[in-house]
N, C-alpha and C. Protein backbone atom coordinates (compact mmCIF):
# COMPACT_ATOMS: atom_id res chain seq x y z
N UNK A 1 148.06 355.03 120.54
CA UNK A 1 149.40 355.49 120.86
C UNK A 1 149.94 354.84 122.12
N UNK A 2 149.18 354.91 123.23
CA UNK A 2 149.62 354.31 124.48
C UNK A 2 149.86 352.82 124.28
N UNK A 3 148.89 352.15 123.72
CA UNK A 3 149.01 350.70 123.55
C UNK A 3 150.15 350.35 122.60
N UNK A 4 150.34 351.13 121.54
CA UNK A 4 151.44 350.89 120.62
C UNK A 4 152.80 350.98 121.33
N UNK A 5 152.95 351.97 122.21
CA UNK A 5 154.20 352.12 122.97
C UNK A 5 154.39 350.93 123.92
N UNK A 6 153.32 350.50 124.55
CA UNK A 6 153.41 349.36 125.46
C UNK A 6 153.82 348.10 124.70
N UNK A 7 153.22 347.89 123.54
CA UNK A 7 153.56 346.71 122.73
C UNK A 7 155.04 346.75 122.35
N UNK A 8 155.53 347.91 121.95
CA UNK A 8 156.95 348.03 121.62
C UNK A 8 157.83 347.71 122.82
N UNK A 9 157.35 348.08 124.01
CA UNK A 9 158.11 347.82 125.23
C UNK A 9 158.24 346.35 125.59
N UNK A 10 157.34 345.51 125.09
CA UNK A 10 157.38 344.08 125.41
C UNK A 10 157.66 343.22 124.18
N UNK A 11 157.89 343.85 123.06
CA UNK A 11 158.08 343.09 121.82
C UNK A 11 159.21 342.06 121.91
N UNK A 12 160.34 342.44 122.52
CA UNK A 12 161.46 341.51 122.63
C UNK A 12 161.08 340.27 123.43
N UNK A 13 160.39 340.44 124.54
CA UNK A 13 159.93 339.31 125.35
C UNK A 13 158.95 338.44 124.55
N UNK A 14 158.04 339.07 123.84
CA UNK A 14 157.08 338.32 123.02
C UNK A 14 157.81 337.51 121.95
N UNK A 15 158.81 338.11 121.32
CA UNK A 15 159.58 337.41 120.29
C UNK A 15 160.38 336.26 120.87
N UNK A 16 161.02 336.49 122.03
CA UNK A 16 161.80 335.44 122.70
C UNK A 16 160.93 334.20 122.96
N UNK A 17 159.69 334.44 123.32
CA UNK A 17 158.79 333.34 123.69
C UNK A 17 157.91 332.90 122.53
N UNK A 18 158.17 333.45 121.35
CA UNK A 18 157.44 333.08 120.12
C UNK A 18 155.93 333.20 120.27
N UNK A 19 155.50 334.23 120.99
CA UNK A 19 154.06 334.47 121.15
C UNK A 19 153.48 335.12 119.91
N UNK A 20 152.23 334.80 119.64
CA UNK A 20 151.47 335.48 118.60
C UNK A 20 150.68 336.60 119.29
N UNK A 21 150.98 337.83 118.93
CA UNK A 21 150.33 338.99 119.54
C UNK A 21 149.43 339.65 118.52
N UNK A 22 148.17 339.85 118.90
CA UNK A 22 147.21 340.53 118.06
C UNK A 22 146.80 341.82 118.76
N UNK A 23 146.80 342.92 118.03
CA UNK A 23 146.36 344.20 118.57
C UNK A 23 145.22 344.71 117.69
N UNK A 24 144.06 344.89 118.29
CA UNK A 24 142.90 345.40 117.57
C UNK A 24 142.59 346.79 118.11
N UNK A 25 142.68 347.78 117.21
CA UNK A 25 142.41 349.16 117.57
C UNK A 25 140.96 349.51 117.26
N UNK A 26 140.45 350.44 118.00
CA UNK A 26 139.12 350.99 117.71
C UNK A 26 139.16 351.65 116.33
N UNK A 27 138.07 351.58 115.57
CA UNK A 27 138.06 352.24 114.27
C UNK A 27 138.10 353.76 114.37
N UNK A 28 137.76 354.29 115.55
CA UNK A 28 137.82 355.74 115.78
C UNK A 28 138.80 356.01 116.92
N UNK A 29 139.40 357.19 116.96
CA UNK A 29 140.34 357.50 118.04
C UNK A 29 139.67 357.39 119.41
N UNK A 30 140.40 356.86 120.37
CA UNK A 30 139.93 356.73 121.74
C UNK A 30 140.88 357.55 122.60
N UNK A 31 140.35 358.62 123.21
CA UNK A 31 141.19 359.54 123.98
C UNK A 31 140.69 359.61 125.42
N UNK A 32 141.64 359.53 126.35
CA UNK A 32 141.35 359.65 127.77
C UNK A 32 142.21 360.78 128.33
N UNK A 33 141.83 361.33 129.47
CA UNK A 33 142.66 362.32 130.15
C UNK A 33 143.52 361.57 131.14
N UNK A 34 144.80 361.43 130.82
CA UNK A 34 145.66 360.60 131.64
C UNK A 34 147.12 360.94 131.39
N UNK A 35 147.96 360.46 132.27
CA UNK A 35 149.39 360.58 132.12
C UNK A 35 149.85 359.48 131.15
N UNK A 36 150.38 359.89 130.03
CA UNK A 36 150.78 358.96 128.97
C UNK A 36 151.72 357.87 129.49
N UNK A 37 152.78 358.29 130.19
CA UNK A 37 153.79 357.33 130.65
C UNK A 37 153.21 356.33 131.65
N UNK A 38 152.32 356.79 132.52
CA UNK A 38 151.72 355.87 133.51
C UNK A 38 150.82 354.86 132.83
N UNK A 39 150.08 355.29 131.79
CA UNK A 39 149.24 354.32 131.08
C UNK A 39 150.08 353.32 130.30
N UNK A 40 151.17 353.77 129.72
CA UNK A 40 152.08 352.83 129.06
C UNK A 40 152.54 351.81 130.08
N UNK A 41 152.90 352.26 131.27
CA UNK A 41 153.34 351.37 132.34
C UNK A 41 152.26 350.34 132.69
N UNK A 42 151.01 350.76 132.75
CA UNK A 42 149.90 349.85 133.03
C UNK A 42 149.88 348.72 132.01
N UNK A 43 149.93 349.09 130.72
CA UNK A 43 149.79 348.07 129.68
C UNK A 43 151.06 347.25 129.48
N UNK A 44 152.22 347.83 129.75
CA UNK A 44 153.45 347.03 129.74
C UNK A 44 153.36 345.96 130.83
N UNK A 45 152.89 346.33 132.01
CA UNK A 45 152.76 345.35 133.09
C UNK A 45 151.79 344.23 132.72
N UNK A 46 150.65 344.59 132.15
CA UNK A 46 149.67 343.56 131.79
C UNK A 46 150.20 342.66 130.67
N UNK A 47 150.83 343.25 129.67
CA UNK A 47 151.39 342.45 128.57
C UNK A 47 152.57 341.59 129.02
N UNK A 48 153.39 342.11 129.91
CA UNK A 48 154.51 341.34 130.44
C UNK A 48 154.01 340.12 131.21
N UNK A 49 153.00 340.34 132.05
CA UNK A 49 152.42 339.20 132.78
C UNK A 49 151.85 338.17 131.81
N UNK A 50 151.15 338.63 130.80
CA UNK A 50 150.59 337.71 129.81
C UNK A 50 151.71 336.90 129.16
N UNK A 51 152.81 337.56 128.82
CA UNK A 51 153.94 336.87 128.19
C UNK A 51 154.59 335.86 129.14
N UNK A 52 154.76 336.25 130.40
CA UNK A 52 155.40 335.38 131.38
C UNK A 52 154.60 334.11 131.64
N UNK A 53 153.28 334.25 131.69
CA UNK A 53 152.43 333.14 132.11
C UNK A 53 151.78 332.40 130.94
N UNK A 54 152.21 332.72 129.73
CA UNK A 54 151.71 332.03 128.55
C UNK A 54 152.83 331.16 128.01
N UNK A 55 152.57 329.88 127.77
CA UNK A 55 153.62 328.99 127.26
C UNK A 55 154.17 329.47 125.91
N UNK A 56 155.38 329.07 125.64
CA UNK A 56 156.03 329.40 124.36
C UNK A 56 155.08 329.12 123.21
N UNK A 57 154.98 330.08 122.28
CA UNK A 57 154.12 329.92 121.12
C UNK A 57 152.65 330.22 121.39
N UNK A 58 152.35 330.72 122.57
CA UNK A 58 150.95 331.00 122.93
C UNK A 58 150.42 332.25 122.24
N UNK A 59 149.18 332.53 122.54
CA UNK A 59 148.49 333.66 121.91
C UNK A 59 148.13 334.71 122.95
N UNK A 60 148.41 335.96 122.61
CA UNK A 60 148.06 337.10 123.45
C UNK A 60 147.37 338.11 122.54
N UNK A 61 146.27 338.67 123.02
CA UNK A 61 145.57 339.66 122.20
C UNK A 61 145.19 340.86 123.05
N UNK A 62 145.12 341.99 122.38
CA UNK A 62 144.66 343.22 123.01
C UNK A 62 143.60 343.83 122.11
N UNK A 63 142.70 344.54 122.73
CA UNK A 63 141.67 345.24 121.96
C UNK A 63 141.36 346.55 122.67
N UNK A 64 141.17 347.60 121.88
CA UNK A 64 140.78 348.91 122.39
C UNK A 64 139.46 349.28 121.73
N UNK A 65 138.49 349.69 122.55
CA UNK A 65 137.22 350.12 122.00
C UNK A 65 136.51 351.02 123.00
N UNK A 66 135.40 351.58 122.57
CA UNK A 66 134.61 352.48 123.42
C UNK A 66 133.31 351.77 123.78
N UNK A 67 132.95 351.91 125.04
CA UNK A 67 131.68 351.38 125.53
C UNK A 67 131.08 352.46 126.42
N UNK A 68 129.98 353.06 125.97
CA UNK A 68 129.39 354.17 126.72
C UNK A 68 130.35 355.34 126.79
N UNK A 69 130.66 355.78 128.02
CA UNK A 69 131.59 356.90 128.23
C UNK A 69 132.97 356.43 128.66
N UNK A 70 133.29 355.17 128.33
CA UNK A 70 134.56 354.62 128.77
C UNK A 70 135.39 354.08 127.61
N UNK A 71 136.69 354.23 127.77
CA UNK A 71 137.64 353.54 126.90
C UNK A 71 137.89 352.19 127.55
N UNK A 72 137.83 351.13 126.75
CA UNK A 72 138.05 349.78 127.25
C UNK A 72 139.27 349.21 126.56
N UNK A 73 140.18 348.65 127.35
CA UNK A 73 141.35 347.96 126.80
C UNK A 73 141.37 346.57 127.43
N UNK A 74 141.38 345.55 126.58
CA UNK A 74 141.42 344.16 127.06
C UNK A 74 142.73 343.52 126.66
N UNK A 75 143.31 342.79 127.61
CA UNK A 75 144.50 342.00 127.36
C UNK A 75 144.13 340.57 127.72
N UNK A 76 144.20 339.69 126.73
CA UNK A 76 143.77 338.30 126.90
C UNK A 76 144.91 337.37 126.49
N UNK A 77 145.03 336.25 127.22
CA UNK A 77 146.04 335.26 126.87
C UNK A 77 145.48 333.86 127.03
N UNK A 78 146.20 332.89 126.48
CA UNK A 78 145.79 331.49 126.63
C UNK A 78 146.78 330.75 127.51
N UNK A 79 147.27 331.44 128.53
CA UNK A 79 148.31 330.91 129.40
C UNK A 79 147.81 330.17 130.62
N UNK A 80 148.55 330.34 131.71
CA UNK A 80 148.36 329.56 132.94
C UNK A 80 147.01 329.76 133.60
N UNK A 81 146.38 330.90 133.36
CA UNK A 81 145.09 331.16 134.00
C UNK A 81 145.26 331.45 135.48
N UNK A 82 144.13 331.69 136.13
CA UNK A 82 144.14 332.04 137.55
C UNK A 82 143.06 331.22 138.23
N UNK A 83 143.44 330.49 139.25
CA UNK A 83 142.48 329.69 140.00
C UNK A 83 141.50 330.61 140.72
N UNK A 84 140.28 330.15 140.89
CA UNK A 84 139.22 330.94 141.53
C UNK A 84 139.64 331.46 142.90
N UNK A 85 140.31 330.65 143.67
CA UNK A 85 140.71 331.07 145.02
C UNK A 85 141.78 332.16 145.00
N UNK A 86 142.48 332.32 143.89
CA UNK A 86 143.50 333.36 143.79
C UNK A 86 142.95 334.68 143.24
N UNK A 87 141.78 334.65 142.64
CA UNK A 87 141.23 335.86 142.01
C UNK A 87 141.04 337.00 143.02
N UNK A 88 140.69 336.69 144.24
CA UNK A 88 140.42 337.74 145.22
C UNK A 88 141.67 338.48 145.66
N UNK A 89 142.86 337.93 145.37
CA UNK A 89 144.08 338.56 145.86
C UNK A 89 145.08 338.95 144.78
N UNK A 90 144.76 338.76 143.52
CA UNK A 90 145.78 339.01 142.48
C UNK A 90 146.22 340.47 142.38
N UNK A 91 145.38 341.40 142.82
CA UNK A 91 145.76 342.81 142.77
C UNK A 91 146.41 343.28 144.07
N UNK A 92 146.61 342.36 145.03
CA UNK A 92 147.24 342.72 146.30
C UNK A 92 148.74 342.85 146.11
N UNK A 93 149.34 343.76 146.89
CA UNK A 93 150.78 343.97 146.84
C UNK A 93 151.52 342.70 147.26
N UNK A 94 152.60 342.41 146.57
CA UNK A 94 153.49 341.26 146.83
C UNK A 94 152.82 339.91 146.59
N UNK A 95 151.82 339.88 145.71
CA UNK A 95 151.14 338.62 145.41
C UNK A 95 151.65 338.04 144.10
N UNK A 96 152.01 336.77 144.13
CA UNK A 96 152.37 336.01 142.94
C UNK A 96 151.61 334.69 143.02
N UNK A 97 150.75 334.45 142.05
CA UNK A 97 149.96 333.22 142.10
C UNK A 97 150.65 332.06 141.39
N UNK A 98 151.64 332.33 140.55
CA UNK A 98 152.38 331.27 139.85
C UNK A 98 153.88 331.52 139.95
N UNK A 99 154.45 331.64 141.16
CA UNK A 99 155.87 331.99 141.25
C UNK A 99 156.80 330.97 140.59
N UNK A 100 156.44 329.71 140.58
CA UNK A 100 157.31 328.69 139.98
C UNK A 100 157.43 328.85 138.47
N UNK A 101 156.43 329.47 137.84
CA UNK A 101 156.46 329.63 136.39
C UNK A 101 157.40 330.73 135.93
N UNK A 102 157.82 331.59 136.85
CA UNK A 102 158.61 332.76 136.45
C UNK A 102 159.94 332.84 137.17
N UNK A 103 160.51 331.73 137.60
CA UNK A 103 161.75 331.76 138.37
C UNK A 103 162.86 332.52 137.65
N UNK A 104 162.95 332.38 136.34
CA UNK A 104 164.03 333.05 135.62
C UNK A 104 163.82 334.56 135.52
N UNK A 105 162.64 335.01 135.79
CA UNK A 105 162.32 336.45 135.73
C UNK A 105 161.57 336.83 137.00
N UNK A 106 162.13 336.51 138.14
CA UNK A 106 161.43 336.75 139.40
C UNK A 106 161.02 338.20 139.52
N UNK A 107 159.82 338.38 139.97
CA UNK A 107 159.31 339.70 140.26
C UNK A 107 159.00 339.80 141.73
N UNK A 108 158.51 340.95 142.12
CA UNK A 108 158.18 341.17 143.52
C UNK A 108 156.69 341.03 143.80
N UNK A 109 155.90 340.81 142.77
CA UNK A 109 154.46 340.74 142.97
C UNK A 109 153.84 342.12 143.11
N UNK A 110 154.44 343.10 142.45
CA UNK A 110 153.94 344.48 142.53
C UNK A 110 153.20 344.92 141.28
N UNK A 111 153.38 344.21 140.17
CA UNK A 111 152.86 344.65 138.88
C UNK A 111 151.37 344.89 138.85
N UNK A 112 150.56 343.93 139.28
CA UNK A 112 149.11 344.09 139.21
C UNK A 112 148.60 345.08 140.25
N UNK A 113 149.26 345.15 141.39
CA UNK A 113 148.90 346.16 142.38
C UNK A 113 149.14 347.56 141.82
N UNK A 114 150.27 347.73 141.15
CA UNK A 114 150.58 349.02 140.52
C UNK A 114 149.56 349.33 139.42
N UNK A 115 149.21 348.33 138.62
CA UNK A 115 148.20 348.52 137.58
C UNK A 115 146.91 349.05 138.19
N UNK A 116 146.42 348.37 139.22
CA UNK A 116 145.17 348.79 139.86
C UNK A 116 145.27 350.21 140.40
N UNK A 117 146.38 350.53 141.08
CA UNK A 117 146.52 351.86 141.66
C UNK A 117 146.58 352.95 140.60
N UNK A 118 147.33 352.73 139.53
CA UNK A 118 147.44 353.74 138.48
C UNK A 118 146.12 353.93 137.75
N UNK A 119 145.44 352.84 137.47
CA UNK A 119 144.14 352.94 136.78
C UNK A 119 143.14 353.67 137.67
N UNK A 120 143.11 353.35 138.95
CA UNK A 120 142.20 354.00 139.89
C UNK A 120 142.49 355.50 140.00
N UNK A 121 143.77 355.86 140.03
CA UNK A 121 144.14 357.28 140.09
C UNK A 121 143.63 358.05 138.87
N UNK A 122 143.44 357.36 137.77
CA UNK A 122 142.93 357.98 136.55
C UNK A 122 141.42 357.85 136.43
N UNK A 123 140.75 357.49 137.52
CA UNK A 123 139.30 357.42 137.52
C UNK A 123 138.73 356.17 136.89
N UNK A 124 139.56 355.15 136.71
CA UNK A 124 139.12 353.94 136.04
C UNK A 124 139.08 352.74 136.95
N UNK A 125 138.95 351.58 136.33
CA UNK A 125 138.92 350.32 137.07
C UNK A 125 139.60 349.24 136.24
N UNK A 126 139.99 348.18 136.90
CA UNK A 126 140.58 347.03 136.22
C UNK A 126 139.95 345.77 136.81
N UNK A 127 139.69 344.82 135.95
CA UNK A 127 139.06 343.58 136.34
C UNK A 127 139.78 342.42 135.67
N UNK A 128 139.85 341.30 136.37
CA UNK A 128 140.44 340.09 135.80
C UNK A 128 139.41 338.98 135.81
N UNK A 129 139.42 338.17 134.76
CA UNK A 129 138.58 336.99 134.71
C UNK A 129 139.43 335.83 134.17
N UNK A 130 139.12 334.65 134.66
CA UNK A 130 139.79 333.44 134.18
C UNK A 130 138.87 332.27 134.49
N UNK A 131 138.87 331.31 133.61
CA UNK A 131 138.08 330.11 133.85
C UNK A 131 138.88 329.09 134.65
N UNK A 132 139.95 329.53 135.29
CA UNK A 132 140.72 328.67 136.16
C UNK A 132 142.09 328.33 135.61
N UNK A 133 142.83 327.62 136.42
CA UNK A 133 144.20 327.24 136.07
C UNK A 133 144.23 326.52 134.72
N UNK A 134 145.16 326.97 133.87
CA UNK A 134 145.34 326.36 132.56
C UNK A 134 144.42 326.89 131.47
N UNK A 135 143.57 327.85 131.81
CA UNK A 135 142.59 328.36 130.85
C UNK A 135 142.78 329.80 130.44
N UNK A 136 143.96 330.36 130.67
CA UNK A 136 144.22 331.73 130.26
C UNK A 136 143.52 332.73 131.15
N UNK A 137 143.71 333.99 130.85
CA UNK A 137 143.07 335.06 131.62
C UNK A 137 142.83 336.27 130.74
N UNK A 138 141.96 337.14 131.25
CA UNK A 138 141.65 338.37 130.54
C UNK A 138 141.58 339.50 131.56
N UNK A 139 142.30 340.58 131.27
CA UNK A 139 142.28 341.77 132.10
C UNK A 139 141.62 342.88 131.31
N UNK A 140 140.67 343.55 131.94
CA UNK A 140 139.93 344.63 131.29
C UNK A 140 140.15 345.92 132.08
N UNK A 141 140.70 346.92 131.39
CA UNK A 141 140.91 348.25 131.97
C UNK A 141 139.84 349.16 131.41
N UNK A 142 139.16 349.87 132.29
CA UNK A 142 138.14 350.84 131.91
C UNK A 142 138.59 352.22 132.38
N UNK A 143 138.61 353.17 131.46
CA UNK A 143 139.01 354.54 131.77
C UNK A 143 137.97 355.50 131.21
N UNK A 144 137.66 356.58 131.95
CA UNK A 144 136.71 357.55 131.41
C UNK A 144 137.26 358.23 130.17
N UNK A 145 136.40 358.38 129.17
CA UNK A 145 136.80 359.10 127.97
C UNK A 145 137.04 360.56 128.30
N UNK A 146 137.92 361.20 127.53
CA UNK A 146 138.19 362.62 127.71
C UNK A 146 136.95 363.42 127.36
N UNK A 147 136.58 364.35 128.25
CA UNK A 147 135.43 365.22 127.96
C UNK A 147 135.81 366.28 126.95
N UNK A 148 136.97 366.81 127.12
CA UNK A 148 137.54 367.70 126.12
C UNK A 148 139.05 367.66 126.28
N UNK A 149 139.76 368.13 125.31
CA UNK A 149 141.21 367.98 125.31
C UNK A 149 141.94 368.99 126.20
N UNK A 150 141.20 369.92 126.83
CA UNK A 150 141.87 370.92 127.66
C UNK A 150 141.88 370.52 129.13
N UNK A 151 140.87 369.80 129.59
CA UNK A 151 140.79 369.44 131.00
C UNK A 151 141.51 368.12 131.23
N UNK A 152 142.16 368.02 132.36
CA UNK A 152 142.92 366.81 132.65
C UNK A 152 142.49 366.20 133.97
N UNK A 153 142.85 364.95 134.17
CA UNK A 153 142.59 364.23 135.41
C UNK A 153 143.92 363.66 135.86
N UNK A 154 144.17 363.65 137.15
CA UNK A 154 145.40 363.10 137.73
C UNK A 154 146.64 363.73 137.08
N UNK A 155 146.54 365.00 136.72
CA UNK A 155 147.69 365.69 136.17
C UNK A 155 148.02 365.31 134.75
N UNK A 156 147.15 364.56 134.10
CA UNK A 156 147.44 364.09 132.76
C UNK A 156 146.84 364.97 131.69
N UNK A 157 147.26 364.75 130.49
CA UNK A 157 146.75 365.47 129.33
C UNK A 157 145.88 364.54 128.52
N UNK A 158 145.23 365.08 127.51
CA UNK A 158 144.44 364.24 126.60
C UNK A 158 145.42 363.25 125.97
N UNK A 159 145.14 361.97 126.16
CA UNK A 159 146.06 360.92 125.74
C UNK A 159 145.35 359.92 124.84
N UNK A 160 145.84 359.75 123.62
CA UNK A 160 145.23 358.72 122.74
C UNK A 160 145.66 357.33 123.18
N UNK A 161 144.68 356.47 123.42
CA UNK A 161 144.97 355.10 123.83
C UNK A 161 145.31 354.26 122.62
N UNK A 162 144.61 354.49 121.57
CA UNK A 162 144.72 353.73 120.33
C UNK A 162 146.05 353.80 119.76
């Protein structure tokens, strides 16, 4: 549900740039205790970045699955990638590692910082990996699975990610 809403939120940008988007859902429901709107915001930010930094006609994929006691959501692209020296600062506020690539859609460099903060507030973590400039990137969000549908974390309710 969360990921589906996020995909709908970026569909126009994906279509404009002729990206191929693949969404792979877990075969079983994946539920976390979280604020629905904030999680949608997390994945809209990650998908928007993937769209901005992936050349026209590129490939972007997402996958949702369970690993241990965590819900895992991966957003992968074959775009600009991230140089090793930039990896240590990509989640910092006001950081843009490829500002020249996004002049027509200038941002403030807040998106990934916001992603990290929102995920952390929900008891999770986010990690980025890239084999360097020109080799795409992958962002992995890990969130604790809901223990039961009545208890919440960070003021959120039981929220289906799938």
